[in-house]
């Protein structure tokens, strides 16, 4: 995967996940999936991570030419795409299990509390913290390479 493709994937992935999670959690009380304010509590857990990725990308587009980023492109693709796909699958499964366990006809005592769902979402975010956050920082704010000749303090302009 090329560096600009990785940047684009992180941006579009973050936009899609932010929109999907945000809309789902905001509408959850309408469908009796979650009660208010639990829906906002969960949005407060998952939202800032992707908003942070987007904020980093926004700052990046105004800082001038893209820096050279030394990276092994052979492994960049799986490490950019993989954790985001894992996150989507894990969160989708967590929401599905929560909804099923808490359905109206579920046997009494078999439901899953919102605190457990919140913990599951935090675990999914941990995968991103370990991988995507590091990649995001390096793709969008990699240090600029130093010039070949360091400045000479004795030289006068």
Foldseek 3Di string as FASTA:
>chain_A
DDLVVLLVCLQVLLVVVLVVLVVCLVCCVVVVLDNPPLSVVLCVLPVPVSVVLNVLQVVLVPPDDFADFDDDVVCSVCLRPVLSVQLVVQLVVLSVVQSVQPPPPHPPPRHDDSVVSSVSNNVSVVSCVVGVVVSSCRSRPNDHDDDPDDDDPVDDD
